[in-house]
Amino acid sequence: MYRYDEFDHAFVRARTEQFRDQVRRRLSGELSEDEFKPLRLMNGVYLQLHAYMLRVAVPYGTLSGTQMRMLARIAREYDRGYGHFTTRQNIQFNWPKLADIPAILDLLAEVEMHAIQTSGNCIRNVTADHFAGAAADEHADPRPYAEIIRQWSSIHPEFTFLPRKFKVAVSGAERDRAAIRVHDIGLQIRRDEAGNLGFEVWVGGGQGRTPMIAKKVRDFVAEEDLLAYLEAILRTYNRYGRRDNKYKARIKILVHETGIDELKRDIEAEFEEIRGGALTLPQDSVDAIEAYFAPPAFEVEAVGETPASNDPLFAAWTETNVHAHKQPGYASVTISLKPIGGIPGDATAEQMEAVAEIAERFSFGEIRVSHEQNLVLPHVAQRDLPAVHAALIEAELAEANAGLVTDIIACPGLDYCALANARSIPVSQRLSERFGDAARQREIGPLSIKISGCINACGHHHVGHIGILGVDRKGEELYQITLGGAPGEDAAIGAIVGRGFSEDAVIDAVETVVDTYLALRTGPQEPFLAAYRRLGDQPFKEALYGPQRTAA
């Protein structure tokens, strides 16, 4: 894992001291809330419906056991005993007192963490495949490049005040588990015919008010040119991106309004002007960063297969939550933060401490946060899986539902967020309970439900197989259903099937969609997304609204 150098330590400490003074001035009334807002946003502090919220950066979703223990301590001492893991691979604390936030930032700095650039119109936390360094299908571990991008983008003077927030994701595998096509910039690691490493580059993806799938702008950018090409994209966006309307300020709108061919010409012209020199990525720097992400000390001798067990709970868990590893004898484990009837992404301080201990005992002290709001133990010996499962049961973290219908993504919604139009959490809880039967979940198979409480789409509803969007209609919370979304290499934006439903009715409506799929699929091997793409939306509209009422 990456370790801070002297600059990192000095910079984070200086920023914390600066913010401590800004908080003092706000509390004394010297600064108004309007004056304080841009200052707090630069330090990851939001003002929600009921309290301030602190969003902590977890670069490319990688945590140590020590860092997780600190997050648990902060949750216990400064919040209400829990934290919320997000789709940006970060963690949020929903109830800190403003006066305490500088002290929290001091504690974070002790374990090489901070909240810088988790908000504001800047380059946000760079995300990556949560199985990075462990996945058998990756060309290279994307985390060294995500770290290089983090260092390049942190307080970059040209990109500190962009037209709008900017998100980058990196995938190193054939299967896209980082959702790169719904990011402002998506990078897919490739190798050319000579075996040289480089990047396929996608630009202009995003969700929110105007969801779009990114366009490919380059088949291959050489490793040494990565920063120069990224800088060319950001300079082009900074020059031409709209600042007159925040709803049209993302780079996806620039791509749409300019056209990808013209934008590519602008990017390439900028790239040719700045490539080489200081922006060339030196191999010794790449090697130095890669050394931080060297594989752990795997046992080179065979460490055994997953032990046989007559425990049906263990068998179900290994089927859904245990994943193939590139190292023989090892596996990766998804820790579900989606208990039946629970709040997606939440973990108590006690659970965070339990995960830290399990990681230190069985996963070389390493933990990942996934953009699916779960945690991952990336490197577990197969022989240790029963012990890991038993420890997770004790911590109430052994839900065997990764990738199934109850593995629901949901934003905080109107229970917390000042931007939301409707609640997300109660809907996710009720759907989880409706589909909670383990046998039924396995009958349904892989199916993603994603819920957003407003059009900003923090719950990624646009790319859910079944997406739910909360809207306000004359003071009433209604929920639109979208079908057919996907975030991966087959990325698609879901289509709205028709008018919205009340909170009670949307639970039944989702069940109707699922039952329609089960009735029309060619067999258990045809997953929901494949069936939807084969059938189209008409059967689902008819099931929801009747044959005479299918208009959107």
Protein backbone atom coordinates (compact mmCIF):
# COMPACT_ATOMS: atom_id res chain seq x y z
CA MET A 1 0.00 0.00 0.00
CA TYR A 2 1.13 3.55 -0.68
CA ARG A 3 2.85 5.37 2.19
CA TYR A 4 2.90 9.15 2.49
CA ASP A 5 6.17 10.91 1.80
CA GLU A 6 7.31 14.08 3.61
CA PHE A 7 5.35 16.31 1.25
CA ASP A 8 2.13 14.37 1.84
CA HIS A 9 2.50 14.62 5.63
CA ALA A 10 3.35 18.33 5.58
CA PHE A 11 0.59 19.19 3.13
CA VAL A 12 -2.17 17.34 5.02
CA ARG A 13 -1.10 18.83 8.35
CA ALA A 14 -0.97 22.35 6.90
CA ARG A 15 -4.40 21.97 5.34
CA THR A 16 -5.84 20.74 8.65
CA GLU A 17 -4.43 23.73 10.54
CA GLN A 18 -5.77 26.08 7.91
CA PHE A 19 -9.24 24.53 8.19
CA ARG A 20 -9.10 24.63 11.99
CA ASP A 21 -8.81 28.41 11.78
CA GLN A 22 -11.62 28.59 9.22
CA VAL A 23 -13.90 26.58 11.51
CA ARG A 24 -13.02 28.86 14.43
CA ARG A 25 -13.95 31.90 12.36
CA ARG A 26 -17.24 30.30 11.27
CA LEU A 27 -18.22 29.38 14.83
CA SER A 28 -17.38 32.87 16.06
CA GLY A 29 -19.55 34.43 13.35
CA GLU A 30 -16.60 36.03 11.59
CA LEU A 31 -17.50 33.98 8.52
CA SER A 32 -21.06 33.58 7.27
CA GLU A 33 -22.25 30.18 6.02
CA ASP A 34 -22.04 31.46 2.44
CA GLU A 35 -18.44 32.56 3.00
CA PHE A 36 -17.60 29.31 4.76
CA LYS A 37 -19.17 27.03 2.14
CA PRO A 38 -16.33 27.01 -0.45
CA LEU A 39 -13.79 26.55 2.35
CA ARG A 40 -15.54 23.57 3.91
CA LEU A 41 -16.18 21.95 0.55
CA MET A 42 -12.43 22.00 -0.16
CA ASN A 43 -12.09 19.86 2.97
CA GLY A 44 -14.89 17.39 2.35
CA VAL A 45 -17.48 18.97 4.65
CA TYR A 46 -21.10 19.18 3.47
CA LEU A 47 -24.13 20.70 5.16
CA GLN A 48 -26.88 18.09 5.04
CA LEU A 49 -30.50 18.33 6.17
CA HIS A 50 -29.79 17.84 9.86
CA ALA A 51 -26.05 18.20 10.38
CA TYR A 52 -22.68 18.60 8.75
CA MET A 53 -21.31 15.55 6.96
CA LEU A 54 -17.63 14.68 6.50
CA ARG A 55 -16.59 12.65 3.46
CA VAL A 56 -13.23 10.92 3.90
CA ALA A 57 -11.14 9.93 0.90
CA VAL A 58 -10.23 6.28 0.43
CA PRO A 59 -8.01 6.46 -2.68
CA TYR A 60 -8.86 3.68 -5.13
CA GLY A 61 -10.77 2.02 -2.30
CA THR A 62 -7.71 0.62 -0.49
CA LEU A 63 -7.53 0.61 3.32
CA SER A 64 -5.25 -0.96 5.91
CA GLY A 65 -6.46 -2.53 9.10
CA THR A 66 -4.94 0.38 11.01
CA GLN A 67 -6.88 2.89 8.93
CA MET A 68 -10.12 0.96 9.38
CA ARG A 69 -9.61 0.97 13.14
CA MET A 70 -9.22 4.73 13.06
CA LEU A 71 -12.44 5.08 11.09
CA ALA A 72 -14.14 2.97 13.76
CA ARG A 73 -12.72 5.23 16.49
CA ILE A 74 -14.01 8.34 14.72
CA ALA A 75 -17.44 6.76 14.29
CA ARG A 76 -17.60 5.93 17.99
CA GLU A 77 -16.16 9.15 19.42
CA TYR A 78 -17.39 11.79 16.99
CA ASP A 79 -20.43 10.34 15.21
CA ARG A 80 -23.29 8.05 16.19
CA GLY A 81 -21.33 4.84 16.13
CA TYR A 82 -21.32 4.08 12.42
CA GLY A 83 -20.04 5.19 9.03
CA HIS A 84 -21.49 5.00 5.53
CA PHE A 85 -19.40 3.57 2.67
CA THR A 86 -20.21 5.19 -0.66
CA THR A 87 -20.23 4.41 -4.37
CA ARG A 88 -17.08 6.57 -4.71
CA GLN A 89 -15.21 4.04 -2.52
CA ASN A 90 -15.14 6.63 0.29
CA ILE A 91 -16.68 6.75 3.75
CA GLN A 92 -19.03 9.42 5.11
CA PHE A 93 -19.71 10.42 8.69
CA ASN A 94 -23.20 11.89 8.87
CA TRP A 95 -23.32 13.45 12.35
CA PRO A 96 -20.03 15.14 13.33
CA LYS A 97 -20.14 18.48 15.12
CA LEU A 98 -18.45 21.21 13.10
CA ALA A 99 -16.26 22.11 16.07
CA ASP A 100 -14.93 18.53 16.15
CA ILE A 101 -14.05 18.18 12.48
CA PRO A 102 -10.48 19.59 12.79
CA ALA A 103 -9.82 17.01 15.52
CA ILE A 104 -11.18 14.29 13.23
CA LEU A 105 -8.87 15.47 10.45
CA ASP A 106 -5.94 15.29 12.90
CA LEU A 107 -6.81 11.67 13.66
CA LEU A 108 -7.12 10.86 9.97
CA ALA A 109 -3.71 12.40 9.33
CA GLU A 110 -2.20 10.06 11.94
CA VAL A 111 -3.06 7.13 9.64
CA GLU A 112 -2.31 8.90 6.34
CA MET A 113 -5.89 9.79 5.46
CA HIS A 114 -7.69 13.06 4.72
CA ALA A 115 -10.85 14.54 3.21
CA ILE A 116 -9.25 16.79 0.58
CA GLN A 117 -10.90 16.87 -2.86
CA THR A 118 -13.84 14.73 -1.81
CA SER A 119 -16.07 17.66 -2.77
CA GLY A 120 -15.94 20.81 -4.85
CA ASN A 121 -15.28 21.43 -8.55
CA CYS A 122 -12.03 19.53 -8.68
CA ILE A 123 -10.73 16.07 -9.56
CA ARG A 124 -12.37 13.80 -7.00
CA ASN A 125 -11.18 10.53 -5.46
CA VAL A 126 -9.79 8.28 -8.21
CA THR A 127 -11.51 4.89 -8.14
CA ALA A 128 -10.45 1.46 -9.35
CA ASP A 129 -11.44 -2.19 -9.50
CA HIS A 130 -11.95 -3.44 -5.94
CA PHE A 131 -10.22 -6.72 -6.92
CA ALA A 132 -7.16 -4.86 -8.23
CA GLY A 133 -3.96 -6.82 -7.73
CA ALA A 134 -5.93 -9.99 -7.09
CA ALA A 135 -8.10 -10.46 -10.19
CA ALA A 136 -6.99 -13.22 -12.52
CA ASP A 137 -8.12 -11.34 -15.63
CA GLU A 138 -6.19 -8.08 -15.18
CA HIS A 139 -3.43 -6.87 -17.50
CA ALA A 140 -1.89 -4.90 -14.66
CA ASP A 141 -2.79 -3.63 -11.20
CA PRO A 142 -4.55 -0.28 -11.78
CA ARG A 143 -3.79 1.09 -8.31
CA PRO A 144 -0.25 2.39 -9.05
CA TYR A 145 -1.70 4.46 -11.88
CA ALA A 146 -4.61 5.61 -9.72
CA GLU A 147 -2.03 6.72 -7.12
CA ILE A 148 -0.01 8.54 -9.78
CA ILE A 149 -3.19 10.32 -10.90
CA ARG A 150 -3.98 11.17 -7.27
CA GLN A 151 -0.58 12.77 -6.80
CA TRP A 152 -0.79 14.64 -10.11
CA SER A 153 -4.31 15.93 -9.45
CA SER A 154 -4.00 16.90 -5.78
CA ILE A 155 -4.23 20.71 -5.55
CA HIS A 156 -3.27 20.94 -9.22
CA PRO A 157 -3.31 24.75 -9.66
CA GLU A 158 -4.96 24.59 -13.09
CA PHE A 159 -7.68 22.15 -12.07
CA THR A 160 -8.66 23.28 -8.58
CA PHE A 161 -11.65 25.29 -9.85
CA LEU A 162 -13.03 23.36 -12.81
CA PRO A 163 -16.43 24.07 -14.37
CA ARG A 164 -17.78 21.15 -12.34
CA LYS A 165 -16.64 18.14 -10.32
CA PHE A 166 -14.56 15.62 -12.24
CA LYS A 167 -14.31 11.86 -11.71
CA VAL A 168 -11.70 9.39 -12.98
CA ALA A 169 -11.79 5.58 -12.83
CA VAL A 170 -9.15 3.03 -13.80
CA SER A 171 -9.69 -0.63 -14.73
CA GLY A 172 -6.88 -3.11 -15.25
CA ALA A 173 -8.97 -6.12 -16.23
CA GLU A 174 -10.91 -7.32 -19.24
CA ARG A 175 -14.05 -7.16 -17.15
CA ASP A 176 -14.79 -3.59 -16.16
CA ARG A 177 -15.49 -3.58 -12.43
CA ALA A 178 -14.72 0.15 -12.10
CA ALA A 179 -17.61 1.44 -14.27
CA ILE A 180 -15.20 3.48 -16.40
CA ARG A 181 -17.82 4.29 -19.06
CA VAL A 182 -19.91 6.35 -16.65
CA HIS A 183 -17.00 8.54 -15.56
CA ASP A 184 -15.67 11.84 -16.84
CA ILE A 185 -12.50 9.97 -17.77
CA GLY A 186 -12.32 6.19 -17.84
CA LEU A 187 -9.01 4.39 -18.32
CA GLN A 188 -8.76 0.76 -19.42
CA ILE A 189 -5.28 -0.72 -19.15
CA ARG A 190 -4.23 -2.40 -22.37
CA ARG A 191 -1.11 -3.88 -23.94
CA ASP A 192 -0.17 -3.25 -27.55
CA GLU A 193 1.04 -5.89 -29.99
CA ALA A 194 4.57 -5.56 -28.63
CA GLY A 195 3.36 -6.09 -25.08
CA ASN A 196 3.84 -2.46 -24.03
CA LEU A 197 1.45 -1.23 -21.39
CA GLY A 198 -0.87 1.68 -22.07
CA PHE A 199 -4.42 2.93 -21.73
CA GLU A 200 -7.62 2.97 -23.72
CA VAL A 201 -9.24 6.32 -22.89
CA TRP A 202 -12.95 7.08 -22.54
CA VAL A 203 -14.30 10.59 -21.99
CA GLY A 204 -17.68 12.12 -21.16
CA GLY A 205 -19.53 9.48 -19.19
CA GLY A 206 -21.72 10.32 -16.24
CA GLN A 207 -25.07 9.92 -14.60
CA GLY A 208 -27.15 12.60 -12.91
CA ARG A 209 -29.58 14.86 -14.71
CA THR A 210 -28.25 13.95 -18.17
CA PRO A 211 -26.90 10.39 -18.09
CA MET A 212 -24.43 9.49 -20.84
CA ILE A 213 -22.09 6.67 -21.72
CA ALA A 214 -18.53 7.84 -22.36
CA LYS A 215 -17.02 7.99 -25.83
CA LYS A 216 -13.68 6.42 -26.63
CA VAL A 217 -11.13 9.08 -27.61
CA ARG A 218 -7.97 6.97 -27.82
CA ASP A 219 -7.35 3.29 -28.42
CA PHE A 220 -3.94 3.46 -26.81
CA VAL A 221 -1.96 6.02 -24.84
CA ALA A 222 1.52 4.85 -23.88
CA GLU A 223 2.26 4.56 -20.17
CA GLU A 224 4.81 7.39 -20.22
CA ASP A 225 2.26 9.72 -21.84
CA LEU A 226 -0.56 9.09 -19.35
CA LEU A 227 -0.29 12.35 -17.43
CA ALA A 228 0.24 14.42 -20.56
CA TYR A 229 -2.90 12.98 -22.15
CA LEU A 230 -4.95 13.47 -18.98
CA GLU A 231 -3.69 17.04 -18.75
CA ALA A 232 -4.67 17.61 -22.38
CA ILE A 233 -8.22 16.44 -21.66
CA LEU A 234 -8.52 18.56 -18.52
CA ARG A 235 -7.11 21.66 -20.23
CA THR A 236 -9.57 21.25 -23.07
CA TYR A 237 -12.44 20.86 -20.62
CA ASN A 238 -11.26 23.77 -18.49
CA ARG A 239 -11.11 25.98 -21.57
CA TYR A 240 -14.41 25.06 -23.20
CA GLY A 241 -16.57 23.63 -20.40
CA ARG A 242 -19.61 25.72 -19.55
CA ARG A 243 -19.62 27.86 -16.42
CA ASP A 244 -22.91 29.63 -17.04
CA ASN A 245 -25.10 26.68 -16.05
CA LYS A 246 -23.99 24.09 -13.49
CA TYR A 247 -26.43 21.56 -14.94
CA LYS A 248 -24.57 21.73 -18.26
CA ALA A 249 -21.05 22.07 -16.90
CA ARG A 250 -19.85 18.45 -16.88
CA ILE A 251 -17.52 17.28 -19.62
CA LYS A 252 -20.24 14.93 -20.90
CA ILE A 253 -22.19 18.01 -22.03
CA LEU A 254 -19.10 19.36 -23.76
CA VAL A 255 -18.73 16.04 -25.58
CA HIS A 256 -22.40 16.10 -26.54
CA GLU A 257 -22.51 19.73 -27.69
CA THR A 258 -19.12 19.81 -29.41
CA GLY A 259 -19.15 16.32 -30.87
CA ILE A 260 -16.58 13.68 -30.07
CA ASP A 261 -14.62 14.09 -33.31
CA GLU A 262 -14.03 17.82 -32.83
CA LEU A 263 -13.23 17.33 -29.17
CA LYS A 264 -10.72 14.60 -30.03
CA ARG A 265 -8.99 17.03 -32.39
CA ASP A 266 -8.77 19.63 -29.62
CA ILE A 267 -7.42 17.08 -27.15
CA GLU A 268 -4.87 15.70 -29.60
CA ALA A 269 -3.67 19.20 -30.51
CA GLU A 270 -3.20 20.03 -26.83
CA PHE A 271 -1.50 16.68 -26.26
CA GLU A 272 1.01 17.23 -29.04
CA GLU A 273 1.85 20.63 -27.58
CA ILE A 274 2.48 19.47 -24.02
CA ARG A 275 3.67 15.87 -24.34
CA GLY A 276 7.22 15.17 -23.29
CA GLY A 277 9.21 17.13 -20.79
CA ALA A 278 7.89 17.45 -17.25
CA LEU A 279 4.68 15.55 -18.03
CA THR A 280 6.51 12.44 -19.25
CA LEU A 281 6.01 9.72 -16.68
CA PRO A 282 9.52 8.48 -15.75
CA GLN A 283 9.88 4.73 -15.52
CA ASP A 284 11.74 4.99 -12.23
CA SER A 285 8.75 6.87 -10.76
CA VAL A 286 6.37 4.21 -12.03
CA ASP A 287 8.60 1.50 -10.57
CA ALA A 288 8.75 3.31 -7.22
CA ILE A 289 4.96 3.59 -6.99
CA GLU A 290 4.46 0.01 -8.17
CA ALA A 291 6.73 -1.17 -5.36
CA TYR A 292 4.16 0.06 -2.86
CA PHE A 293 1.62 -2.28 -4.45
CA ALA A 294 3.81 -5.35 -4.71
CA PRO A 295 1.90 -8.58 -4.06
CA PRO A 296 1.91 -9.72 -0.44
CA ALA A 297 4.02 -12.65 0.71
CA PHE A 298 1.82 -15.42 -0.66
CA GLU A 299 2.73 -18.95 0.30
CA VAL A 300 4.36 -20.38 -2.78
CA GLU A 301 3.50 -23.92 -1.86
CA ALA A 302 -0.05 -25.10 -2.41
CA VAL A 303 -2.21 -23.79 0.42
CA GLY A 304 -5.13 -26.02 -0.31
CA GLU A 305 -8.59 -25.71 -1.78
CA THR A 306 -11.68 -24.52 0.01
CA PRO A 307 -12.36 -27.13 2.69
CA ALA A 308 -15.39 -29.32 2.22
CA SER A 309 -18.28 -28.42 4.49
CA ASN A 310 -21.76 -29.66 5.19
CA ASP A 311 -22.80 -26.19 6.36
CA PRO A 312 -25.37 -24.82 3.88
CA LEU A 313 -24.72 -21.25 5.04
CA PHE A 314 -21.02 -21.58 4.28
CA ALA A 315 -21.77 -23.16 0.91
CA ALA A 316 -24.15 -20.34 -0.02
CA TRP A 317 -21.62 -17.72 1.08
CA THR A 318 -18.77 -19.23 -0.92
CA GLU A 319 -21.03 -19.36 -3.99
CA THR A 320 -21.79 -15.64 -3.96
CA ASN A 321 -19.16 -13.84 -1.87
CA VAL A 322 -15.94 -15.71 -2.70
CA HIS A 323 -14.14 -14.87 -5.94
CA ALA A 324 -11.30 -16.37 -7.97
CA HIS A 325 -7.78 -15.08 -7.32
CA LYS A 326 -4.74 -14.92 -9.60
CA GLN A 327 -2.66 -16.70 -6.95
CA PRO A 328 -3.37 -20.46 -6.66
CA GLY A 329 -4.77 -21.37 -3.28
CA TYR A 330 -6.16 -17.90 -2.58
CA ALA A 331 -9.49 -16.13 -3.03
CA SER A 332 -11.02 -12.69 -2.64
CA VAL A 333 -13.97 -12.25 -0.30
CA THR A 334 -16.80 -9.74 -0.52
CA ILE A 335 -18.07 -8.61 2.87
CA SER A 336 -21.67 -7.63 2.27
CA LEU A 337 -22.83 -4.40 3.89
CA LYS A 338 -26.37 -5.27 2.81
CA PRO A 339 -28.00 -7.25 5.63
CA ILE A 340 -31.64 -8.09 5.01
CA GLY A 341 -33.61 -5.09 6.15
CA GLY A 342 -30.46 -3.05 6.78
CA ILE A 343 -29.14 0.23 5.37
CA PRO A 344 -26.87 -0.33 2.35
CA GLY A 345 -23.27 0.71 2.97
CA ASP A 346 -23.54 1.29 6.71
CA ALA A 347 -21.09 -0.34 9.13
CA THR A 348 -20.92 0.12 12.88
CA ALA A 349 -17.72 0.95 14.72
CA GLU A 350 -17.70 -2.58 16.11
CA GLN A 351 -18.08 -4.06 12.63
CA MET A 352 -15.27 -1.89 11.26
CA GLU A 353 -13.00 -3.08 14.07
CA ALA A 354 -14.00 -6.68 13.35
CA VAL A 355 -13.18 -6.25 9.65
CA ALA A 356 -9.80 -4.77 10.59
CA GLU A 357 -9.03 -7.76 12.80
CA ILE A 358 -10.17 -10.27 10.18
CA ALA A 359 -8.08 -8.52 7.53
CA GLU A 360 -5.01 -8.54 9.74
CA ARG A 361 -5.44 -12.23 10.50
CA PHE A 362 -6.41 -13.48 7.07
CA SER A 363 -5.83 -10.85 4.32
CA PHE A 364 -2.38 -9.36 4.95
CA GLY A 365 -4.02 -6.41 6.69
CA GLU A 366 -5.63 -5.15 3.48
CA ILE A 367 -9.24 -4.11 2.86
CA ARG A 368 -11.00 -2.66 -0.16
CA VAL A 369 -14.11 -0.53 -0.47
CA SER A 370 -16.14 -1.33 -3.59
CA HIS A 371 -18.25 1.13 -5.56
CA GLU A 372 -21.07 -1.31 -4.82
CA GLN A 373 -20.97 -0.20 -1.15
CA ASN A 374 -19.40 -3.40 0.12
CA LEU A 375 -16.01 -4.27 1.58
CA VAL A 376 -13.52 -6.75 0.16
CA LEU A 377 -10.76 -8.89 1.65
CA PRO A 378 -8.55 -9.21 -1.45
CA HIS A 379 -6.13 -11.98 -0.43
CA VAL A 380 -7.50 -14.86 1.65
CA ALA A 381 -6.04 -18.36 1.67
CA GLN A 382 -8.76 -20.79 0.66
CA ARG A 383 -8.05 -22.95 3.68
CA ASP A 384 -8.93 -19.97 5.90
CA LEU A 385 -12.34 -19.36 4.36
CA PRO A 386 -14.29 -21.26 7.07
CA ALA A 387 -12.57 -19.22 9.78
CA VAL A 388 -13.25 -15.97 7.91
CA HIS A 389 -16.90 -16.94 7.48
CA ALA A 390 -17.23 -17.77 11.19
CA ALA A 391 -15.67 -14.42 12.16
CA LEU A 392 -18.02 -12.58 9.79
CA ILE A 393 -21.03 -14.38 11.29
CA GLU A 394 -19.96 -13.18 14.73
CA ALA A 395 -19.73 -9.60 13.39
CA GLU A 396 -23.12 -9.92 11.62
CA LEU A 397 -21.40 -9.42 8.26
CA ALA A 398 -21.88 -12.81 6.65
CA GLU A 399 -24.85 -12.05 4.38
CA ALA A 400 -24.46 -14.33 1.35
CA ASN A 401 -25.92 -11.98 -1.26
CA ALA A 402 -23.10 -10.36 -3.24
CA GLY A 403 -24.43 -9.69 -6.74
CA LEU A 404 -27.95 -10.87 -5.89
CA VAL A 405 -31.20 -8.96 -5.74
CA THR A 406 -30.73 -7.82 -2.11
CA ASP A 407 -27.24 -6.44 -2.78
CA ILE A 408 -28.91 -3.05 -3.28
CA ILE A 409 -27.11 0.24 -3.81
CA ALA A 410 -28.87 3.25 -2.30
CA CYS A 411 -27.92 6.86 -1.63
CA PRO A 412 -28.76 8.41 1.78
CA GLY A 413 -31.79 10.13 0.22
CA LEU A 414 -34.16 12.43 2.02
CA ASP A 415 -33.27 10.97 5.41
CA TYR A 416 -30.01 12.95 5.22
CA CYS A 417 -29.46 14.81 1.97
CA ALA A 418 -30.58 18.40 1.39
CA LEU A 419 -30.72 17.78 -2.37
CA ALA A 420 -32.97 14.71 -2.25
CA ASN A 421 -36.61 14.65 -3.31
CA ALA A 422 -37.49 11.30 -1.79
CA ARG A 423 -36.25 8.71 0.66
CA SER A 424 -34.05 5.89 -0.61
CA ILE A 425 -33.22 3.97 2.55
CA PRO A 426 -36.75 2.79 3.49
CA VAL A 427 -37.33 1.61 -0.10
CA SER A 428 -34.09 -0.36 -0.11
CA GLN A 429 -34.91 -1.89 3.27
CA ARG A 430 -38.38 -2.99 2.21
CA LEU A 431 -37.14 -4.43 -1.08
CA SER A 432 -34.43 -6.30 0.80
CA GLU A 433 -37.06 -7.79 3.10
CA ARG A 434 -39.39 -8.60 0.19
CA PHE A 435 -36.65 -10.59 -1.58
CA GLY A 436 -34.85 -11.74 1.55
CA ASP A 437 -35.56 -15.45 1.24
CA ALA A 438 -32.23 -17.06 0.35
CA ALA A 439 -33.72 -19.68 -1.97
CA ARG A 440 -35.67 -17.04 -3.86
CA GLN A 441 -32.59 -14.86 -4.30
CA ARG A 442 -30.72 -17.76 -5.86
CA GLU A 443 -33.65 -18.58 -8.11
CA ILE A 444 -33.61 -15.00 -9.41
CA GLY A 445 -29.82 -15.00 -9.90
CA PRO A 446 -27.60 -11.98 -10.64
CA LEU A 447 -29.69 -8.82 -10.58
CA SER A 448 -28.78 -5.31 -9.44
CA ILE A 449 -31.21 -2.81 -7.94
CA LYS A 450 -29.92 0.73 -7.50
CA ILE A 451 -31.87 3.55 -5.85
CA SER A 452 -31.39 7.33 -5.96
CA GLY A 453 -33.35 9.88 -3.96
CA CYS A 454 -32.96 12.57 -6.62
CA ILE A 455 -31.80 13.17 -10.17
CA ASN A 456 -28.17 13.59 -9.06
CA ALA A 457 -28.06 9.78 -9.16
CA CYS A 458 -25.69 9.14 -6.24
CA GLY A 459 -27.32 5.71 -6.03
CA HIS A 460 -26.34 4.98 -9.67
CA HIS A 461 -29.93 4.12 -10.58
CA HIS A 462 -29.25 4.83 -14.26
CA VAL A 463 -27.00 1.75 -14.49
CA GLY A 464 -29.03 -0.62 -12.36
CA HIS A 465 -30.65 -3.60 -14.03
CA ILE A 466 -33.60 -2.21 -12.14
CA GLY A 467 -33.17 1.45 -11.26
CA ILE A 468 -35.39 3.45 -8.94
CA LEU A 469 -35.43 7.25 -8.93
CA GLY A 470 -37.23 9.19 -6.23
CA VAL A 471 -39.02 12.31 -7.51
CA ASP A 472 -41.29 14.92 -5.98
CA ARG A 473 -44.72 15.42 -7.52
CA LYS A 474 -46.65 18.22 -5.81
CA GLY A 475 -45.25 17.32 -2.42
CA GLU A 476 -45.68 13.56 -2.86
CA GLU A 477 -42.75 11.16 -3.06
CA LEU A 478 -42.97 9.06 -6.21
CA TYR A 479 -40.56 6.52 -7.65
CA GLN A 480 -39.77 5.99 -11.33
CA ILE A 481 -38.50 2.61 -12.48
CA THR A 482 -35.82 2.22 -15.14
CA LEU A 483 -34.82 -1.09 -16.70
CA GLY A 484 -31.79 -2.37 -18.57
CA GLY A 485 -28.96 -0.29 -17.13
CA ALA A 486 -25.44 -1.66 -16.75
CA PRO A 487 -22.16 -0.12 -15.51
CA GLY A 488 -19.53 -2.46 -16.99
CA GLU A 489 -18.02 -3.17 -20.38
CA ASP A 490 -21.59 -3.54 -21.69
CA ALA A 491 -22.57 -0.19 -20.16
CA ALA A 492 -26.08 1.10 -20.81
CA ILE A 493 -28.41 3.71 -19.38
CA GLY A 494 -31.68 2.25 -18.15
CA ALA A 495 -34.93 3.28 -19.81
CA ILE A 496 -37.88 4.71 -17.86
CA VAL A 497 -40.76 2.28 -18.21
CA GLY A 498 -43.62 4.61 -17.31
CA ARG A 499 -45.21 6.78 -14.66
CA GLY A 500 -43.98 6.68 -11.09
CA PHE A 501 -45.25 4.70 -8.10
CA SER A 502 -45.87 5.56 -4.48
CA GLU A 503 -43.47 4.14 -1.88
CA ASP A 504 -45.85 1.28 -1.11
CA ALA A 505 -46.61 0.55 -4.75
CA VAL A 506 -43.00 0.59 -5.96
CA ILE A 507 -42.17 -2.45 -3.83
CA ASP A 508 -44.91 -4.43 -5.56
CA ALA A 509 -43.89 -2.98 -8.93
CA VAL A 510 -40.32 -4.23 -8.58
CA GLU A 511 -41.63 -7.65 -7.64
CA THR A 512 -43.84 -7.58 -10.74
CA VAL A 513 -40.78 -6.85 -12.89
CA VAL A 514 -38.88 -9.73 -11.31
CA ASP A 515 -41.78 -12.15 -11.64
CA THR A 516 -42.19 -11.17 -15.30
CA TYR A 517 -38.52 -11.91 -15.90
CA LEU A 518 -38.78 -15.30 -14.19
CA ALA A 519 -41.80 -16.21 -16.31
CA LEU A 520 -40.20 -15.20 -19.63
CA ARG A 521 -36.53 -16.12 -19.30
CA THR A 522 -35.30 -19.02 -21.39
CA GLY A 523 -34.04 -20.78 -18.29
CA PRO A 524 -32.12 -20.27 -15.05
CA GLN A 525 -28.95 -19.56 -17.03
CA GLU A 526 -30.39 -16.44 -18.68
CA PRO A 527 -29.73 -13.49 -16.33
CA PHE A 528 -32.10 -10.56 -16.03
CA LEU A 529 -30.10 -8.19 -18.22
CA ALA A 530 -29.82 -10.69 -21.07
CA ALA A 531 -33.54 -11.43 -20.88
CA TYR A 532 -34.41 -7.73 -20.87
CA ARG A 533 -32.23 -7.08 -23.91
CA ARG A 534 -33.82 -9.99 -25.73
CA LEU A 535 -37.41 -9.13 -24.79
CA GLY A 536 -37.34 -5.33 -24.75
CA ASP A 537 -39.42 -3.35 -22.29
CA GLN A 538 -42.89 -4.11 -23.64
CA PRO A 539 -43.60 -7.23 -21.53
CA PHE A 540 -42.55 -5.38 -18.40
CA LYS A 541 -44.64 -2.31 -19.24
CA GLU A 542 -47.67 -4.47 -19.84
CA ALA A 543 -47.14 -6.29 -16.57
CA LEU A 544 -46.84 -2.99 -14.70
CA TYR A 545 -49.49 -0.89 -16.41
CA GLY A 546 -51.63 -3.22 -18.51
CA PRO A 547 -51.72 -3.51 -22.32
CA GLN A 548 -53.63 -0.25 -22.81
CA ARG A 549 -51.47 1.89 -20.51
CA THR A 550 -47.87 1.53 -21.60
CA ALA A 551 -47.09 5.12 -22.58
CA ALA A 552 -44.25 6.75 -20.63
